[in-house]
């Protein structure tokens, strides 16, 4: 039998020591701490209009990454993390928050300011003020829009009253001859400010053939409504 050299014997001895120590090291190794998942709760409830008490269809009810949409009657069911905030929101309403706890949580959302539009056909639309704008279609380019129409009046080629100063626009838009447009007759509307001032204003964009609309999200349906100013009898601002 061939004898091992001294270096080889030392290497073998070290290897045996390491092998013998391995189980001991494994025995004292700490186990990883497993943290339980956050406790979840299931919440049901109804989202309503705080002014009318009616259920709100299409309201978004959310908490963190969890979200659902209320049904036709405003009912919802949401599973989320206990103790987090749960928020109900919808265009045309002020968002409301509650703490997420097991059981029933109802939300009554206050209305945001309203722009009321009445039409020549007798319809009345309550539009969310924050989404209500004026604009017109530009073929192949899209939709131009702004908080107020692009107006002109005698002595002012570009009249831009502040949106907050508008009280009422009376229509329907009707053709007039004005120095504001050298291309021919142009559509005009009657504008009343909150300070009592009244004036006839020209729709500058109509001078270039664009039909101006008022549009915004209707509160009752949460859908956008586009109405030509030629079909509008009155717009009342908050």
C-alpha atoms as a PDB file:
ATOM      1  CA  UNK A   1       0.000   0.000   0.000  1.00  0.00           C
ATOM      2  CA  UNK A   2       1.446   3.341  -1.037  1.00  0.00           C
ATOM      3  CA  UNK A   3       1.931   5.803   1.850  1.00  0.00           C
ATOM      4  CA  UNK A   4       0.799   9.419   1.455  1.00  0.00           C
ATOM      5  CA  UNK A   5       3.215  12.283   1.515  1.00  0.00           C
ATOM      6  CA  UNK A   6       3.089  14.650   4.475  1.00  0.00           C
ATOM      7  CA  UNK A   7       1.280  17.489   2.548  1.00  0.00           C
ATOM      8  CA  UNK A   8      -1.320  15.008   1.277  1.00  0.00           C
ATOM      9  CA  UNK A   9      -1.946  13.724   4.797  1.00  0.00           C
ATOM     10  CA  UNK A  10      -2.490  17.306   6.053  1.00  0.00           C
ATOM     11  CA  UNK A  11      -5.009  18.043   3.230  1.00  0.00           C
ATOM     12  CA  UNK A  12      -6.980  14.887   4.036  1.00  0.00           C
ATOM     13  CA  UNK A  13      -7.101  15.780   7.712  1.00  0.00           C
ATOM     14  CA  UNK A  14      -8.443  19.295   6.994  1.00  0.00           C
ATOM     15  CA  UNK A  15     -11.089  17.889   4.648  1.00  0.00           C
ATOM     16  CA  UNK A  16     -12.318  15.412   7.295  1.00  0.00           C
ATOM     17  CA  UNK A  17     -12.594  18.200   9.873  1.00  0.00           C
ATOM     18  CA  UNK A  18     -14.710  20.331   7.513  1.00  0.00           C
ATOM     19  CA  UNK A  19     -17.017  17.420   6.685  1.00  0.00           C
ATOM     20  CA  UNK A  20     -17.513  16.649  10.377  1.00  0.00           C
ATOM     21  CA  UNK A  21     -18.305  20.288  11.180  1.00  0.00           C
ATOM     22  CA  UNK A  22     -20.870  20.762   8.392  1.00  0.00           C
ATOM     23  CA  UNK A  23     -23.866  19.109  10.145  1.00  0.00           C
ATOM     24  CA  UNK A  24     -23.151  21.118  13.284  1.00  0.00           C
ATOM     25  CA  UNK A  25     -23.256  24.384  11.341  1.00  0.00           C
ATOM     26  CA  UNK A  26     -26.508  23.353   9.672  1.00  0.00           C
ATOM     27  CA  UNK A  27     -28.070  22.570  13.008  1.00  0.00           C
ATOM     28  CA  UNK A  28     -27.492  26.049  14.429  1.00  0.00           C
ATOM     29  CA  UNK A  29     -28.486  27.988  11.278  1.00  0.00           C
ATOM     30  CA  UNK A  30     -31.500  30.253  11.948  1.00  0.00           C
ATOM     31  CA  UNK A  31     -34.659  29.591  10.044  1.00  0.00           C
ATOM     32  CA  UNK A  32     -36.076  32.496   7.981  1.00  0.00           C
ATOM     33  CA  UNK A  33     -38.931  34.360   9.656  1.00  0.00           C
ATOM     34  CA  UNK A  34     -42.136  34.112   7.658  1.00  0.00           C
ATOM     35  CA  UNK A  35     -44.312  37.232   8.004  1.00  0.00           C
ATOM     36  CA  UNK A  36     -48.054  36.639   7.651  1.00  0.00           C
ATOM     37  CA  UNK A  37     -49.866  38.326   4.753  1.00  0.00           C
ATOM     38  CA  UNK A  38     -51.675  41.557   5.663  1.00  0.00           C
ATOM     39  CA  UNK A  39     -55.204  40.872   6.833  1.00  0.00           C
ATOM     40  CA  UNK A  40     -57.801  41.472   4.139  1.00  0.00           C
ATOM     41  CA  UNK A  41     -61.417  42.467   4.524  1.00  0.00           C
ATOM     42  CA  UNK A  42     -64.416  42.337   2.216  1.00  0.00           C
ATOM     43  CA  UNK A  43     -66.494  45.499   2.167  1.00  0.00           C
ATOM     44  CA  UNK A  44     -69.878  46.080   0.593  1.00  0.00           C
ATOM     45  CA  UNK A  45     -71.870  49.265   0.294  1.00  0.00           C
ATOM     46  CA  UNK A  46     -73.568  51.842  -1.889  1.00  0.00           C
ATOM     47  CA  UNK A  47     -72.290  55.041  -3.496  1.00  0.00           C
ATOM     48  CA  UNK A  48     -74.948  57.753  -3.684  1.00  0.00           C
ATOM     49  CA  UNK A  49     -75.384  61.371  -4.741  1.00  0.00           C
ATOM     50  CA  UNK A  50     -75.309  63.368  -1.494  1.00  0.00           C
ATOM     51  CA  UNK A  51     -77.786  65.897  -2.958  1.00  0.00           C
ATOM     52  CA  UNK A  52     -80.406  63.493  -4.317  1.00  0.00           C
ATOM     53  CA  UNK A  53     -79.727  60.273  -2.390  1.00  0.00           C
ATOM     54  CA  UNK A  54     -79.796  58.303  -5.651  1.00  0.00           C
ATOM     55  CA  UNK A  55     -77.286  55.513  -6.323  1.00  0.00           C
ATOM     56  CA  UNK A  56     -74.343  56.412  -8.557  1.00  0.00           C
ATOM     57  CA  UNK A  57     -73.529  54.103 -11.425  1.00  0.00           C
ATOM     58  CA  UNK A  58     -69.895  53.922 -12.524  1.00  0.00           C
ATOM     59  CA  UNK A  59     -68.286  55.272  -9.349  1.00  0.00           C
ATOM     60  CA  UNK A  60     -64.722  54.059  -8.761  1.00  0.00           C
ATOM     61  CA  UNK A  61     -64.207  52.488  -5.325  1.00  0.00           C
ATOM     62  CA  UNK A  62     -60.539  51.779  -4.606  1.00  0.00           C
ATOM     63  CA  UNK A  63     -57.993  50.998  -1.914  1.00  0.00           C
ATOM     64  CA  UNK A  64     -54.343  50.646  -2.914  1.00  0.00           C
ATOM     65  CA  UNK A  65     -54.149  48.291  -5.904  1.00  0.00           C
ATOM     66  CA  UNK A  66     -57.711  47.067  -5.394  1.00  0.00           C
ATOM     67  CA  UNK A  67     -60.567  48.748  -7.273  1.00  0.00           C
ATOM     68  CA  UNK A  68     -64.113  48.076  -8.469  1.00  0.00           C
ATOM     69  CA  UNK A  69     -66.850  50.028 -10.261  1.00  0.00           C
ATOM     70  CA  UNK A  70     -70.301  50.507  -8.730  1.00  0.00           C
ATOM     71  CA  UNK A  71     -73.244  48.923 -10.567  1.00  0.00           C
ATOM     72  CA  UNK A  72     -76.388  50.568 -11.950  1.00  0.00           C
ATOM     73  CA  UNK A  73     -77.741  51.121  -8.427  1.00  0.00           C
ATOM     74  CA  UNK A  74     -74.449  52.293  -6.926  1.00  0.00           C
ATOM     75  CA  UNK A  75     -73.686  48.998  -5.143  1.00  0.00           C
ATOM     76  CA  UNK A  76     -70.129  47.662  -4.852  1.00  0.00           C
ATOM     77  CA  UNK A  77     -68.115  44.850  -3.212  1.00  0.00           C
ATOM     78  CA  UNK A  78     -64.390  45.324  -2.596  1.00  0.00           C
ATOM     79  CA  UNK A  79     -61.769  43.073  -1.010  1.00  0.00           C
ATOM     80  CA  UNK A  80     -58.765  45.035   0.240  1.00  0.00           C
ATOM     81  CA  UNK A  81     -56.221  45.378   3.059  1.00  0.00           C
ATOM     82  CA  UNK A  82     -57.723  46.104   6.463  1.00  0.00           C
ATOM     83  CA  UNK A  83     -56.923  49.528   7.887  1.00  0.00           C
ATOM     84  CA  UNK A  84     -56.096  51.178   4.553  1.00  0.00           C
ATOM     85  CA  UNK A  85     -58.102  54.082   3.184  1.00  0.00           C
ATOM     86  CA  UNK A  86     -60.912  53.292   0.760  1.00  0.00           C
ATOM     87  CA  UNK A  87     -61.957  56.036  -1.684  1.00  0.00           C
ATOM     88  CA  UNK A  88     -65.101  56.509  -3.759  1.00  0.00           C
ATOM     89  CA  UNK A  89     -64.928  58.924  -6.691  1.00  0.00           C
ATOM     90  CA  UNK A  90     -66.630  59.836  -9.953  1.00  0.00           C
ATOM     91  CA  UNK A  91     -66.463  62.707 -12.405  1.00  0.00           C
ATOM     92  CA  UNK A  92     -68.846  65.437 -11.269  1.00  0.00           C
ATOM     93  CA  UNK A  93     -68.457  64.631  -7.574  1.00  0.00           C
ATOM     94  CA  UNK A  94     -66.078  65.302  -4.703  1.00  0.00           C
ATOM     95  CA  UNK A  95     -64.167  62.132  -3.703  1.00  0.00           C
ATOM     96  CA  UNK A  96     -64.877  60.730  -0.208  1.00  0.00           C
ATOM     97  CA  UNK A  97     -62.625  58.488   1.904  1.00  0.00           C
ATOM     98  CA  UNK A  98     -63.210  56.078   4.776  1.00  0.00           C
ATOM     99  CA  UNK A  99     -61.069  53.582   6.707  1.00  0.00           C
ATOM    100  CA  UNK A 100     -61.300  50.029   5.342  1.00  0.00           C
ATOM    101  CA  UNK A 101     -62.988  47.834   7.962  1.00  0.00           C
ATOM    102  CA  UNK A 102     -65.025  44.638   7.582  1.00  0.00           C
ATOM    103  CA  UNK A 103     -68.710  45.204   6.936  1.00  0.00           C
ATOM    104  CA  UNK A 104     -70.714  47.872   5.143  1.00  0.00           C
ATOM    105  CA  UNK A 105     -69.380  51.272   4.111  1.00  0.00           C
ATOM    106  CA  UNK A 106     -71.659  53.649   2.222  1.00  0.00           C
ATOM    107  CA  UNK A 107     -70.449  56.772   0.431  1.00  0.00           C
ATOM    108  CA  UNK A 108     -72.470  59.950  -0.192  1.00  0.00           C
ATOM    109  CA  UNK A 109     -70.585  62.071  -2.743  1.00  0.00           C
ATOM    110  CA  UNK A 110     -71.188  65.858  -2.838  1.00  0.00           C
ATOM    111  CA  UNK A 111     -71.705  67.345  -6.282  1.00  0.00           C
ATOM    112  CA  UNK A 112     -69.078  69.566  -7.860  1.00  0.00           C
ATOM    113  CA  UNK A 113     -70.190  72.960  -9.336  1.00  0.00           C
ATOM    114  CA  UNK A 114     -72.590  72.604 -12.271  1.00  0.00           C
ATOM    115  CA  UNK A 115     -72.890  74.244 -15.681  1.00  0.00           C
ATOM    116  CA  UNK A 116     -76.518  73.989 -16.809  1.00  0.00           C
ATOM    117  CA  UNK A 117     -77.177  73.816 -20.556  1.00  0.00           C
ATOM    118  CA  UNK A 118     -80.674  74.149 -22.029  1.00  0.00           C
ATOM    119  CA  UNK A 119     -81.334  73.342 -25.675  1.00  0.00           C
ATOM    120  CA  UNK A 120     -83.802  74.376 -28.353  1.00  0.00           C
ATOM    121  CA  UNK A 121     -85.351  70.884 -28.171  1.00  0.00           C
ATOM    122  CA  UNK A 122     -86.267  71.405 -24.498  1.00  0.00           C
ATOM    123  CA  UNK A 123     -83.520  69.227 -22.989  1.00  0.00           C
ATOM    124  CA  UNK A 124     -81.531  70.273 -19.926  1.00  0.00           C
ATOM    125  CA  UNK A 125     -78.021  68.974 -19.221  1.00  0.00           C
ATOM    126  CA  UNK A 126     -76.230  69.349 -15.894  1.00  0.00           C
ATOM    127  CA  UNK A 127     -72.541  69.298 -16.817  1.00  0.00           C
ATOM    128  CA  UNK A 128     -69.639  69.026 -14.392  1.00  0.00           C
ATOM    129  CA  UNK A 129     -68.064  72.487 -14.373  1.00  0.00           C
ATOM    130  CA  UNK A 130     -64.516  71.126 -14.233  1.00  0.00           C
ATOM    131  CA  UNK A 131     -64.954  69.257 -17.527  1.00  0.00           C
ATOM    132  CA  UNK A 132     -67.104  71.821 -19.374  1.00  0.00           C
ATOM    133  CA  UNK A 133     -65.324  73.472 -22.289  1.00  0.00           C
ATOM    134  CA  UNK A 134     -65.958  75.037 -25.693  1.00  0.00           C
ATOM    135  CA  UNK A 135     -64.418  73.801 -28.902  1.00  0.00           C
ATOM    136  CA  UNK A 136     -64.702  72.701 -32.500  1.00  0.00           C
ATOM    137  CA  UNK A 137     -63.485  69.952 -34.797  1.00  0.00           C
ATOM    138  CA  UNK A 138     -60.482  70.601 -37.064  1.00  0.00           C
ATOM    139  CA  UNK A 139     -60.559  68.066 -39.886  1.00  0.00           C
ATOM    140  CA  UNK A 140     -57.564  65.677 -39.812  1.00  0.00           C
ATOM    141  CA  UNK A 141     -56.154  67.440 -36.738  1.00  0.00           C
ATOM    142  CA  UNK A 142     -58.484  66.803 -33.836  1.00  0.00           C
ATOM    143  CA  UNK A 143     -60.495  68.943 -31.464  1.00  0.00           C
ATOM    144  CA  UNK A 144     -59.558  72.495 -30.423  1.00  0.00           C
ATOM    145  CA  UNK A 145     -60.912  73.430 -27.016  1.00  0.00           C
ATOM    146  CA  UNK A 146     -60.764  75.985 -24.227  1.00  0.00           C
ATOM    147  CA  UNK A 147     -62.484  77.132 -21.048  1.00  0.00           C
ATOM    148  CA  UNK A 148     -64.368  79.906 -22.862  1.00  0.00           C
ATOM    149  CA  UNK A 149     -65.252  80.485 -26.541  1.00  0.00           C
ATOM    150  CA  UNK A 150     -62.890  82.523 -28.720  1.00  0.00           C
ATOM    151  CA  UNK A 151     -64.850  85.776 -28.708  1.00  0.00           C
ATOM    152  CA  UNK A 152     -64.877  89.208 -30.319  1.00  0.00           C
ATOM    153  CA  UNK A 153     -66.996  92.282 -29.641  1.00  0.00           C
ATOM    154  CA  UNK A 154     -67.102  95.870 -30.847  1.00  0.00           C
ATOM    155  CA  UNK A 155     -63.755  97.511 -30.165  1.00  0.00           C
ATOM    156  CA  UNK A 156     -62.112  94.250 -29.034  1.00  0.00           C
ATOM    157  CA  UNK A 157     -60.956  91.835 -31.725  1.00  0.00           C
ATOM    158  CA  UNK A 158     -60.212  89.261 -29.035  1.00  0.00           C
ATOM    159  CA  UNK A 159     -62.439  89.476 -25.980  1.00  0.00           C
ATOM    160  CA  UNK A 160     -61.483  87.032 -23.233  1.00  0.00           C
ATOM    161  CA  UNK A 161     -63.595  87.395 -20.091  1.00  0.00           C
ATOM    162  CA  UNK A 162     -62.464  85.247 -17.172  1.00  0.00           C
ATOM    163  CA  UNK A 163     -64.398  81.993 -16.825  1.00  0.00           C
ATOM    164  CA  UNK A 164     -65.192  82.870 -13.205  1.00  0.00           C
ATOM    165  CA  UNK A 165     -66.843  86.128 -14.392  1.00  0.00           C
ATOM    166  CA  UNK A 166     -69.308  84.428 -16.742  1.00  0.00           C
ATOM    167  CA  UNK A 167     -72.894  84.253 -15.501  1.00  0.00           C
ATOM    168  CA  UNK A 168     -74.893  83.276 -18.565  1.00  0.00           C
ATOM    169  CA  UNK A 169     -74.698  82.720 -22.326  1.00  0.00           C
ATOM    170  CA  UNK A 170     -77.957  83.115 -24.194  1.00  0.00           C
ATOM    171  CA  UNK A 171     -78.538  81.578 -27.616  1.00  0.00           C
ATOM    172  CA  UNK A 172     -79.052  80.031 -29.938  1.00  0.00           C
ATOM    173  CA  UNK A 173     -76.035  81.294 -31.834  1.00  0.00           C
ATOM    174  CA  UNK A 174     -77.352  83.378 -34.724  1.00  0.00           C
ATOM    175  CA  UNK A 175     -75.775  84.984 -37.820  1.00  0.00           C
ATOM    176  CA  UNK A 176     -74.882  88.674 -37.766  1.00  0.00           C
ATOM    177  CA  UNK A 177     -72.762  91.016 -39.838  1.00  0.00           C
ATOM    178  CA  UNK A 178     -69.804  92.281 -37.840  1.00  0.00           C
ATOM    179  CA  UNK A 179     -66.439  93.928 -38.316  1.00  0.00           C
ATOM    180  CA  UNK A 180     -65.041  90.972 -36.350  1.00  0.00           C
ATOM    181  CA  UNK A 181     -65.327  88.867 -39.527  1.00  0.00           C
ATOM    182  CA  UNK A 182     -64.629  90.223 -43.011  1.00  0.00           C
ATOM    183  CA  UNK A 183     -65.592  86.918 -44.657  1.00  0.00           C
ATOM    184  CA  UNK A 184     -69.328  87.528 -44.304  1.00  0.00           C
ATOM    185  CA  UNK A 185     -72.010  86.818 -41.684  1.00  0.00           C
ATOM    186  CA  UNK A 186     -70.759  85.186 -38.494  1.00  0.00           C
ATOM    187  CA  UNK A 187     -72.462  83.555 -35.509  1.00  0.00           C
ATOM    188  CA  UNK A 188     -73.071  85.595 -32.351  1.00  0.00           C
ATOM    189  CA  UNK A 189     -74.232  84.862 -28.804  1.00  0.00           C
ATOM    190  CA  UNK A 190     -75.379  87.024 -25.889  1.00  0.00           C
ATOM    191  CA  UNK A 191     -73.045  87.046 -22.887  1.00  0.00           C
ATOM    192  CA  UNK A 192     -73.890  88.214 -19.367  1.00  0.00           C
ATOM    193  CA  UNK A 193     -71.212  88.667 -16.718  1.00  0.00           C
ATOM    194  CA  UNK A 194     -71.646  88.340 -12.965  1.00  0.00           C
ATOM    195  CA  UNK A 195     -71.202  92.116 -12.594  1.00  0.00           C
ATOM    196  CA  UNK A 196     -74.378  92.638 -14.632  1.00  0.00           C
ATOM    197  CA  UNK A 197     -72.651  93.597 -17.910  1.00  0.00           C
ATOM    198  CA  UNK A 198     -74.336  92.251 -21.043  1.00  0.00           C
ATOM    199  CA  UNK A 199     -72.931  92.213 -24.571  1.00  0.00           C
ATOM    200  CA  UNK A 200     -73.278  90.583 -27.973  1.00  0.00           C
ATOM    201  CA  UNK A 201     -70.193  88.501 -28.668  1.00  0.00           C
ATOM    202  CA  UNK A 202     -68.993  87.075 -31.969  1.00  0.00           C
ATOM    203  CA  UNK A 203     -67.698  83.511 -32.248  1.00  0.00           C
ATOM    204  CA  UNK A 204     -64.340  84.207 -33.896  1.00  0.00           C
ATOM    205  CA  UNK A 205     -63.785  80.585 -34.890  1.00  0.00           C
ATOM    206  CA  UNK A 206     -67.051  80.529 -36.811  1.00  0.00           C
ATOM    207  CA  UNK A 207     -65.594  83.191 -39.123  1.00  0.00           C
ATOM    208  CA  UNK A 208     -63.350  80.383 -40.458  1.00  0.00           C
ATOM    209  CA  UNK A 209     -66.221  77.932 -40.853  1.00  0.00           C
ATOM    210  CA  UNK A 210     -65.912  76.074 -37.530  1.00  0.00           C
ATOM    211  CA  UNK A 211     -69.129  75.166 -35.670  1.00  0.00           C
ATOM    212  CA  UNK A 212     -68.543  75.823 -31.989  1.00  0.00           C
ATOM    213  CA  UNK A 213     -69.795  73.379 -29.331  1.00  0.00           C
ATOM    214  CA  UNK A 214     -70.171  73.362 -25.582  1.00  0.00           C
ATOM    215  CA  UNK A 215     -69.285  69.992 -24.076  1.00  0.00           C
ATOM    216  CA  UNK A 216     -68.686  68.318 -20.737  1.00  0.00           C
ATOM    217  CA  UNK A 217     -69.464  65.278 -18.620  1.00  0.00           C
ATOM    218  CA  UNK A 218     -73.152  65.029 -17.759  1.00  0.00           C
ATOM    219  CA  UNK A 219     -73.601  64.279 -14.059  1.00  0.00           C
ATOM    220  CA  UNK A 220     -76.513  61.839 -14.310  1.00  0.00           C
ATOM    221  CA  UNK A 221     -74.899  59.552 -16.904  1.00  0.00           C
ATOM    222  CA  UNK A 222     -71.156  60.288 -16.452  1.00  0.00           C
ATOM    223  CA  UNK A 223     -70.991  60.551 -20.260  1.00  0.00           C
ATOM    224  CA  UNK A 224     -69.651  63.415 -22.358  1.00  0.00           C
ATOM    225  CA  UNK A 225     -72.215  65.571 -24.135  1.00  0.00           C
ATOM    226  CA  UNK A 226     -71.361  67.702 -27.191  1.00  0.00           C
ATOM    227  CA  UNK A 227     -73.942  70.386 -28.063  1.00  0.00           C
ATOM    228  CA  UNK A 228     -73.676  72.900 -30.907  1.00  0.00           C
ATOM    229  CA  UNK A 229     -74.157  76.502 -29.762  1.00  0.00           C
ATOM    230  CA  UNK A 230     -76.737  76.837 -32.561  1.00  0.00           C
ATOM    231  CA  UNK A 231     -78.835  74.339 -30.550  1.00  0.00           C
ATOM    232  CA  UNK A 232     -78.345  76.060 -27.157  1.00  0.00           C
ATOM    233  CA  UNK A 233     -80.874  78.480 -25.664  1.00  0.00           C
ATOM    234  CA  UNK A 234     -79.033  79.105 -22.406  1.00  0.00           C
ATOM    235  CA  UNK A 235     -75.840  78.191 -20.523  1.00  0.00           C
ATOM    236  CA  UNK A 236     -75.738  79.082 -16.819  1.00  0.00           C
ATOM    237  CA  UNK A 237     -72.421  79.092 -14.971  1.00  0.00           C
ATOM    238  CA  UNK A 238     -71.914  78.433 -11.222  1.00  0.00           C
END
